[in-house]
Protein backbone atom coordinates (compact mmCIF):
# COMPACT_ATOMS: atom_id res chain seq x y z
CA UNK A 1 126.85 71.11 74.08
CA UNK A 2 126.43 67.40 73.60
CA UNK A 3 128.12 66.42 76.90
CA UNK A 4 125.32 67.83 79.05
CA UNK A 5 127.28 70.88 80.23
CA UNK A 6 125.30 73.60 78.53
CA UNK A 7 126.45 77.17 78.79
CA UNK A 8 123.74 79.38 80.15
CA UNK A 9 123.80 82.98 79.04
CA UNK A 10 122.38 85.49 81.48
CA UNK A 11 120.21 88.37 80.37
CA UNK A 12 120.90 91.85 81.73
CA UNK A 13 118.31 91.69 84.48
CA UNK A 14 119.52 88.28 85.68
CA UNK A 15 122.95 89.74 86.45
CA UNK A 16 121.44 92.32 88.79
CA UNK A 17 121.38 91.57 92.52
CA UNK A 18 118.15 93.56 92.90
CA UNK A 19 116.45 91.24 90.42
CA UNK A 20 117.64 88.10 92.20
CA UNK A 21 116.46 89.42 95.57
CA UNK A 22 113.10 90.43 94.08
CA UNK A 23 112.68 86.89 92.71
CA UNK A 24 113.60 85.51 96.13
CA UNK A 25 110.98 87.78 97.73
CA UNK A 26 108.40 86.61 95.20
CA UNK A 27 109.07 82.96 96.05
CA UNK A 28 108.60 83.75 99.74
CA UNK A 29 105.37 85.69 99.10
CA UNK A 30 103.94 82.77 97.10
CA UNK A 31 104.85 80.33 99.90
CA UNK A 32 103.33 82.61 102.57
CA UNK A 33 100.12 83.03 100.63
CA UNK A 34 99.75 79.29 100.14
CA UNK A 35 99.91 78.81 103.92
CA UNK A 36 97.51 81.66 104.74
CA UNK A 37 94.22 80.65 106.33
CA UNK A 38 90.88 80.91 104.53
CA UNK A 39 89.40 84.34 104.15
CA UNK A 40 92.66 86.03 103.17
CA UNK A 41 92.71 85.05 99.49
CA UNK A 42 92.11 88.56 98.18
CA UNK A 43 94.98 89.96 100.22
CA UNK A 44 97.26 87.11 99.19
CA UNK A 45 96.38 87.69 95.55
CA UNK A 46 97.23 91.38 95.95
CA UNK A 47 100.60 90.54 97.53
CA UNK A 48 101.39 88.12 94.71
CA UNK A 49 100.41 90.62 92.00
CA UNK A 50 102.55 93.32 93.60
CA UNK A 51 105.48 90.94 93.95
CA UNK A 52 105.22 89.87 90.32
CA UNK A 53 105.00 93.52 89.30
CA UNK A 54 108.22 94.24 91.19
CA UNK A 55 110.10 91.52 89.31
CA UNK A 56 108.58 92.26 85.90
CA UNK A 57 109.03 96.03 86.03
CA UNK A 58 112.60 95.65 87.20
CA UNK A 59 113.35 93.38 84.24
CA UNK A 60 111.58 95.79 81.89
CA UNK A 61 113.61 98.71 83.26
CA UNK A 62 116.84 97.09 82.16
CA UNK A 63 115.54 96.96 78.61
CA UNK A 64 114.84 100.69 78.66
CA UNK A 65 116.94 103.83 78.82
CA UNK A 66 116.67 107.27 80.39
CA UNK A 67 113.25 108.40 81.56
CA UNK A 68 111.63 105.10 80.54
CA UNK A 69 114.07 103.18 82.71
CA UNK A 70 113.49 105.51 85.67
CA UNK A 71 109.70 105.17 85.27
CA UNK A 72 109.82 101.35 85.26
CA UNK A 73 112.08 101.42 88.33
CA UNK A 74 109.65 103.76 90.12
CA UNK A 75 106.83 101.33 89.37
CA UNK A 76 108.91 98.36 90.59
CA UNK A 77 109.75 100.23 93.80
CA UNK A 78 106.12 101.16 94.37
CA UNK A 79 105.10 97.54 93.87
CA UNK A 80 107.70 96.37 96.40
CA UNK A 81 106.25 98.81 98.93
CA UNK A 82 102.81 97.40 98.15
CA UNK A 83 104.09 93.88 98.87
CA UNK A 84 105.22 95.09 102.27
CA UNK A 85 101.86 96.73 103.02
CA UNK A 86 99.92 93.62 101.94
CA UNK A 87 102.08 91.41 104.15
CA UNK A 88 101.62 93.83 107.06
CA UNK A 89 97.85 93.49 106.71
CA UNK A 90 98.06 89.74 106.26
CA UNK A 91 100.14 89.44 109.44
CA UNK A 92 97.86 91.78 111.37
CA UNK A 93 94.88 89.63 110.37
CA UNK A 94 96.54 86.39 111.43
CA UNK A 95 97.36 85.19 107.93
CA UNK A 96 101.15 85.28 108.23
CA UNK A 97 103.38 84.25 111.11
CA UNK A 98 105.79 86.86 112.52
CA UNK A 99 108.93 84.88 111.63
CA UNK A 100 107.97 84.63 107.96
CA UNK A 101 106.91 88.27 108.01
CA UNK A 102 110.31 89.27 109.37
CA UNK A 103 112.08 87.34 106.60
CA UNK A 104 109.88 88.94 103.94
CA UNK A 105 110.43 92.37 105.49
CA UNK A 106 114.22 91.97 105.32
CA UNK A 107 114.04 91.04 101.63
CA UNK A 108 111.66 93.90 100.93
CA UNK A 109 113.97 96.41 102.60
CA UNK A 110 116.87 95.16 100.46
CA UNK A 111 114.87 95.34 97.24
CA UNK A 112 113.50 98.82 97.97
CA UNK A 113 116.98 100.14 98.84
CA UNK A 114 118.47 98.73 95.63
CA UNK A 115 115.58 99.99 93.50
CA UNK A 116 115.90 103.44 95.04
CA UNK A 117 119.59 103.59 94.09
CA UNK A 118 118.89 102.30 90.56
CA UNK A 119 116.03 104.78 90.12
CA UNK A 120 118.12 107.69 91.32
CA UNK A 121 120.93 106.76 88.93
CA UNK A 122 118.52 106.38 86.01
CA UNK A 123 116.84 109.71 86.75
CA UNK A 124 120.16 111.52 87.24
């Protein structure tokens, strides 16, 4: 539109609450990793890769059907669990403060619960 009020069409994955929460978790993971002290880069990289995998596989799942959809959702769920494990280690090693860890944990729990329901529906 010429008046500056463009209509924005949403893709299938952008309409999904699980996707939006996964993107929110990814933003938090990136921020946490940036603040982590030296010596934790490898663990931060792992957390970021797992977080990106969660978002990307969830989006891919919505472009698939049947067993392919269920497989992509299983991968996304596994990656979300990996994010949680990486942040647990980062916190344990002093690379993440407990308040930020708690916020990330809450988002992770939400994402995993939603991915579990989506996976179960896709596999059904």
